[in-house]
Amino acid sequence: MGNATVIPPKDKVICGKASAQRHNVNVWQVIKRADLEMLLPRLIKHMVIKAKHWQWMLDVWREKRGVRVPAELKEALVTASKESRRANAGPIKPKNHPTWAWCAGYLDGDGCYAYTSSTRRGYTAWSISVSAVAHINDRCVIDFLHKAFGGDLHMRDRPPTLTWRRMLGYQNRSFAERFLPNLAKHSRFKRDKINAIIHHHRQRLSIPGPDRQFCTMDACDRRVHGHGLCHMHYMRERKLGQTTV
């Protein structure tokens, strides 16, 4: 489901049926057997969280289709599906690195690109990052992103969630310039925010050297380390809690 303004035309829907409904909601349904047999194996191949569970459901569906299922067995299958959802978490095969298409799609749905600024002493400090959050039972996807791209992990008890966050600011510019263009190629919902961050970094590089290379503190001619400050002033203000990291 999603915003009704992005409903694709009928000739762009690979399989199933997409329709716009009330309350600005899109619905995509795949019902035909041939469509399911074509679609599900391809989705399961790339899934990280629910691959084993969906493979189990596909196997059960293939076994039971065309057979009249008693009400008692239907209830048993519903119960087994709930248990499979908890027990069969993770991909079919271990994955070493996410594909860019999968990563862009996941961050489009469950990710956040933060791009904010604050002004202090006439200097604009930017806070730029990408993050994703998942229920603790689905932490495999957060661990996957953390293993592939580094960053920080933060646990919350209420609700029990795990958050991955990777900074994309000035000190991480080289990573951001490799990471973001690959996502922009595949992103559909957040491409504008990604491109804005890419433009921010490229614009900074176009500023003349003397305006961006030296500390902004008075009588200090050391080279910039972060937030417009040299390493000494940056660490001093960070200890005082005045610098946003």
Protein backbone atom coordinates (compact mmCIF):
# COMPACT_ATOMS: atom_id res chain seq x y z
CA MET A 1 0.00 0.00 0.00
CA GLY A 2 1.13 3.56 -0.53
CA ASN A 3 0.19 7.00 -1.69
CA ALA A 4 -2.48 6.94 -4.39
CA THR A 5 -0.55 9.45 -6.51
CA VAL A 6 2.10 6.82 -7.34
CA ILE A 7 -0.25 4.14 -8.62
CA PRO A 8 1.42 2.75 -11.78
CA PRO A 9 -0.45 2.49 -15.08
CA LYS A 10 -1.87 -0.94 -15.93
CA ASP A 11 0.75 -1.60 -18.59
CA LYS A 12 3.51 -1.09 -15.97
CA VAL A 13 2.21 -3.69 -13.49
CA ILE A 14 4.24 -6.86 -14.05
CA CYS A 15 1.66 -9.15 -12.48
CA GLY A 16 -1.45 -8.92 -10.36
CA LYS A 17 -3.70 -5.88 -10.14
CA ALA A 18 -3.00 -2.43 -8.70
CA SER A 19 -5.86 -0.11 -7.80
CA ALA A 20 -6.43 3.15 -5.94
CA GLN A 21 -8.96 3.01 -3.11
CA ARG A 22 -10.44 5.39 -0.59
CA HIS A 23 -8.37 7.31 1.97
CA ASN A 24 -5.53 7.85 -0.53
CA VAL A 25 -4.45 4.20 -0.42
CA ASN A 26 -3.04 1.90 -3.10
CA VAL A 27 -3.65 -1.85 -3.13
CA TRP A 28 -1.66 -4.36 -5.14
CA GLN A 29 -3.05 -7.90 -5.28
CA VAL A 30 -1.60 -11.03 -6.86
CA ILE A 31 -4.10 -13.90 -6.98
CA LYS A 32 -3.53 -15.98 -10.13
CA ARG A 33 -1.54 -19.18 -9.66
CA ALA A 34 0.79 -18.49 -12.57
CA ASP A 35 1.57 -14.99 -11.24
CA LEU A 36 2.31 -16.32 -7.76
CA GLU A 37 4.57 -19.06 -9.12
CA MET A 38 6.48 -16.44 -11.11
CA LEU A 39 6.66 -13.76 -8.40
CA LEU A 40 7.18 -15.48 -5.04
CA PRO A 41 10.41 -17.40 -5.81
CA ARG A 42 11.98 -14.18 -7.07
CA LEU A 43 10.94 -12.23 -3.98
CA ILE A 44 12.05 -14.97 -1.60
CA LYS A 45 15.50 -15.03 -3.22
CA HIS A 46 16.13 -11.42 -2.18
CA MET A 47 14.28 -11.30 1.16
CA VAL A 48 16.27 -10.83 4.34
CA ILE A 49 13.66 -10.94 7.11
CA LYS A 50 10.86 -13.25 5.95
CA ALA A 51 12.47 -15.44 3.30
CA LYS A 52 12.28 -18.73 5.24
CA HIS A 53 8.73 -18.00 6.39
CA TRP A 54 7.52 -17.20 2.86
CA GLN A 55 9.26 -20.30 1.49
CA TRP A 56 7.38 -22.36 4.10
CA MET A 57 4.06 -20.77 3.08
CA LEU A 58 4.82 -21.34 -0.61
CA ASP A 59 5.58 -25.00 0.02
CA VAL A 60 2.34 -25.45 2.01
CA TRP A 61 0.34 -23.64 -0.66
CA ARG A 62 1.76 -25.88 -3.40
CA GLU A 63 0.99 -28.97 -1.34
CA LYS A 64 -2.59 -27.99 -0.45
CA ARG A 65 -3.76 -26.19 -3.60
CA GLY A 66 -6.58 -27.96 -5.42
CA VAL A 67 -7.40 -29.92 -2.26
CA ARG A 68 -10.45 -29.21 -0.12
CA VAL A 69 -9.12 -28.28 3.31
CA PRO A 70 -11.35 -28.97 6.37
CA ALA A 71 -12.04 -26.12 8.79
CA GLU A 72 -9.98 -27.81 11.52
CA LEU A 73 -6.95 -28.01 9.23
CA LYS A 74 -7.36 -24.37 8.22
CA GLU A 75 -7.16 -23.32 11.87
CA ALA A 76 -4.09 -25.53 12.35
CA LEU A 77 -2.42 -23.93 9.32
CA VAL A 78 -3.13 -20.44 10.66
CA THR A 79 -1.51 -21.39 13.98
CA ALA A 80 1.45 -22.99 12.20
CA SER A 81 1.87 -19.84 10.08
CA LYS A 82 2.13 -17.66 13.20
CA GLU A 83 4.74 -20.01 14.67
CA SER A 84 6.66 -20.05 11.39
CA ARG A 85 6.70 -16.24 11.34
CA ARG A 86 8.61 -16.26 14.64
CA ALA A 87 10.78 -19.32 14.05
CA ASN A 88 11.69 -18.92 10.37
CA ALA A 89 13.30 -15.50 10.38
CA GLY A 90 16.14 -14.61 8.07
CA PRO A 91 17.21 -15.25 4.45
CA ILE A 92 17.20 -18.63 2.70
CA LYS A 93 20.98 -18.47 2.32
CA PRO A 94 23.48 -16.31 4.24
CA LYS A 95 24.09 -12.99 2.49
CA ASN A 96 27.43 -11.19 2.54
CA HIS A 97 26.32 -7.84 1.14
CA PRO A 98 22.94 -6.34 0.17
CA THR A 99 22.22 -5.50 -3.43
CA TRP A 100 21.73 -1.80 -4.08
CA ALA A 101 18.21 -2.39 -5.38
CA TRP A 102 17.21 -4.22 -2.19
CA CYS A 103 18.90 -1.65 0.03
CA ALA A 104 17.18 1.27 -1.72
CA GLY A 105 13.81 -0.46 -1.53
CA TYR A 106 14.17 -1.31 2.15
CA LEU A 107 15.25 2.21 3.07
CA ASP A 108 12.41 3.63 0.97
CA GLY A 109 9.99 1.74 3.19
CA ASP A 110 11.59 1.54 6.64
CA GLY A 111 14.51 3.97 6.40
CA CYS A 112 14.99 7.65 7.14
CA TYR A 113 17.38 10.17 5.56
CA ALA A 114 18.01 12.98 8.06
CA TYR A 115 19.22 16.27 6.61
CA THR A 116 19.01 19.14 9.11
CA SER A 117 21.06 22.21 10.04
CA SER A 118 21.63 24.55 12.98
CA THR A 119 23.47 27.89 13.09
CA ARG A 120 25.91 28.87 15.83
CA ARG A 121 28.39 31.78 15.83
CA GLY A 122 27.52 32.42 12.22
CA TYR A 123 28.52 28.89 11.19
CA THR A 124 25.92 26.42 9.88
CA ALA A 125 26.39 22.90 11.23
CA TRP A 126 24.75 20.09 9.30
CA SER A 127 23.53 16.78 10.68
CA ILE A 128 23.19 14.22 7.89
CA SER A 129 22.53 10.53 8.37
CA VAL A 130 20.63 7.48 7.16
CA SER A 131 18.86 5.17 9.60
CA ALA A 132 16.48 2.24 9.77
CA VAL A 133 14.51 0.68 12.62
CA ALA A 134 13.08 -2.81 13.07
CA HIS A 135 11.43 -4.85 15.79
CA ILE A 136 13.92 -6.80 17.84
CA ASN A 137 12.55 -10.06 16.38
CA ASP A 138 13.61 -8.79 12.94
CA ARG A 139 17.05 -7.61 13.98
CA CYS A 140 18.66 -9.74 11.25
CA VAL A 141 18.00 -6.95 8.73
CA ILE A 142 19.53 -4.29 10.99
CA ASP A 143 22.58 -6.48 11.64
CA PHE A 144 22.85 -7.01 7.87
CA LEU A 145 22.99 -3.26 7.20
CA HIS A 146 25.41 -2.70 10.08
CA LYS A 147 27.74 -5.43 8.84
CA ALA A 148 27.69 -4.08 5.28
CA PHE A 149 27.98 -0.33 5.94
CA GLY A 150 29.10 0.16 9.54
CA GLY A 151 27.49 2.80 11.72
CA ASP A 152 25.88 2.62 15.17
CA LEU A 153 23.21 0.42 16.73
CA HIS A 154 20.75 1.63 19.37
CA MET A 155 18.38 -0.59 21.35
CA ARG A 156 15.04 0.53 22.79
CA ASP A 157 12.93 -1.41 25.27
CA ARG A 158 9.53 0.20 24.68
CA PRO A 159 8.76 -0.78 22.03
CA PRO A 160 11.52 -3.41 21.68
CA THR A 161 13.29 -2.11 18.58
CA LEU A 162 16.79 -1.90 17.16
CA THR A 163 17.90 1.15 15.18
CA TRP A 164 20.81 1.37 12.74
CA ARG A 165 22.28 4.78 11.99
CA ARG A 166 25.10 5.75 9.63
CA MET A 167 26.38 9.32 9.58
CA LEU A 168 26.71 10.94 6.15
CA GLY A 169 28.12 14.32 7.15
CA TYR A 170 31.34 16.11 6.24
CA GLN A 171 33.62 13.64 8.03
CA ASN A 172 31.92 10.75 6.19
CA ARG A 173 31.83 12.48 2.82
CA SER A 174 33.86 9.85 0.96
CA PHE A 175 31.48 7.10 2.12
CA ALA A 176 28.41 9.20 1.34
CA GLU A 177 29.63 9.91 -2.20
CA ARG A 178 30.00 6.17 -2.84
CA PHE A 179 26.87 5.07 -0.98
CA LEU A 180 24.18 7.56 -1.98
CA PRO A 181 24.47 7.55 -5.82
CA ASN A 182 23.99 3.78 -5.83
CA LEU A 183 20.79 4.16 -3.82
CA ALA A 184 19.52 7.04 -5.96
CA LYS A 185 19.57 4.79 -9.03
CA HIS A 186 16.95 2.49 -7.48
CA SER A 187 15.04 4.65 -4.98
CA ARG A 188 11.46 5.57 -5.85
CA PHE A 189 10.05 7.43 -2.84
CA LYS A 190 13.11 9.16 -1.32
CA ARG A 191 15.26 9.91 -4.33
CA ASP A 192 14.78 13.67 -3.93
CA LYS A 193 16.18 13.60 -0.37
CA ILE A 194 19.11 11.43 -1.48
CA ASN A 195 19.91 13.78 -4.36
CA ALA A 196 19.71 16.77 -2.02
CA ILE A 197 22.39 15.24 0.22
CA ILE A 198 24.57 14.39 -2.79
CA HIS A 199 24.22 17.99 -4.00
CA HIS A 200 25.13 19.27 -0.53
CA HIS A 201 28.45 17.42 -0.55
CA ARG A 202 29.30 18.41 -4.10
CA GLN A 203 28.43 22.02 -3.37
CA ARG A 204 30.76 22.06 -0.36
CA LEU A 205 33.57 20.82 -2.55
CA SER A 206 32.94 23.70 -4.99
CA ILE A 207 33.49 26.34 -2.26
CA PRO A 208 36.93 28.02 -2.57
CA GLY A 209 39.57 26.40 -0.38
CA PRO A 210 40.30 29.30 2.04
CA ASP A 211 36.59 29.51 2.91
CA ARG A 212 36.29 25.89 3.93
CA GLN A 213 39.73 24.70 4.98
CA PHE A 214 40.53 26.75 8.09
CA CYS A 215 39.09 26.92 11.59
CA THR A 216 36.39 29.54 12.14
CA MET A 217 37.63 30.44 15.65
CA ASP A 218 39.29 33.83 15.94
CA ALA A 219 43.09 33.89 15.58
CA CYS A 220 43.19 30.19 14.66
CA ASP A 221 44.69 29.25 11.32
CA ARG A 222 44.59 25.48 11.73
CA ARG A 223 42.87 23.37 9.11
CA VAL A 224 39.24 22.34 9.56
CA HIS A 225 38.54 19.00 11.25
CA GLY A 226 34.74 19.13 11.56
CA HIS A 227 31.86 21.60 11.94
CA GLY A 228 34.12 24.44 10.76
CA LEU A 229 36.58 23.89 13.64
CA CYS A 230 40.10 22.56 13.85
CA HIS A 231 40.71 19.34 15.77
CA MET A 232 41.65 21.13 19.01
CA HIS A 233 38.60 23.44 19.08
CA TYR A 234 36.32 20.68 17.83
CA MET A 235 37.31 18.30 20.65
CA ARG A 236 37.20 21.11 23.23
CA GLU A 237 33.64 22.09 22.32
CA ARG A 238 32.57 18.50 22.02
CA LYS A 239 33.65 17.85 25.61
CA LEU A 240 31.60 20.86 26.66
CA GLY A 241 28.60 19.37 24.86
CA GLN A 242 28.29 22.29 22.48
CA THR A 243 29.08 20.51 19.23
CA THR A 244 26.51 18.31 17.50
CA VAL A 245 28.18 15.10 16.39
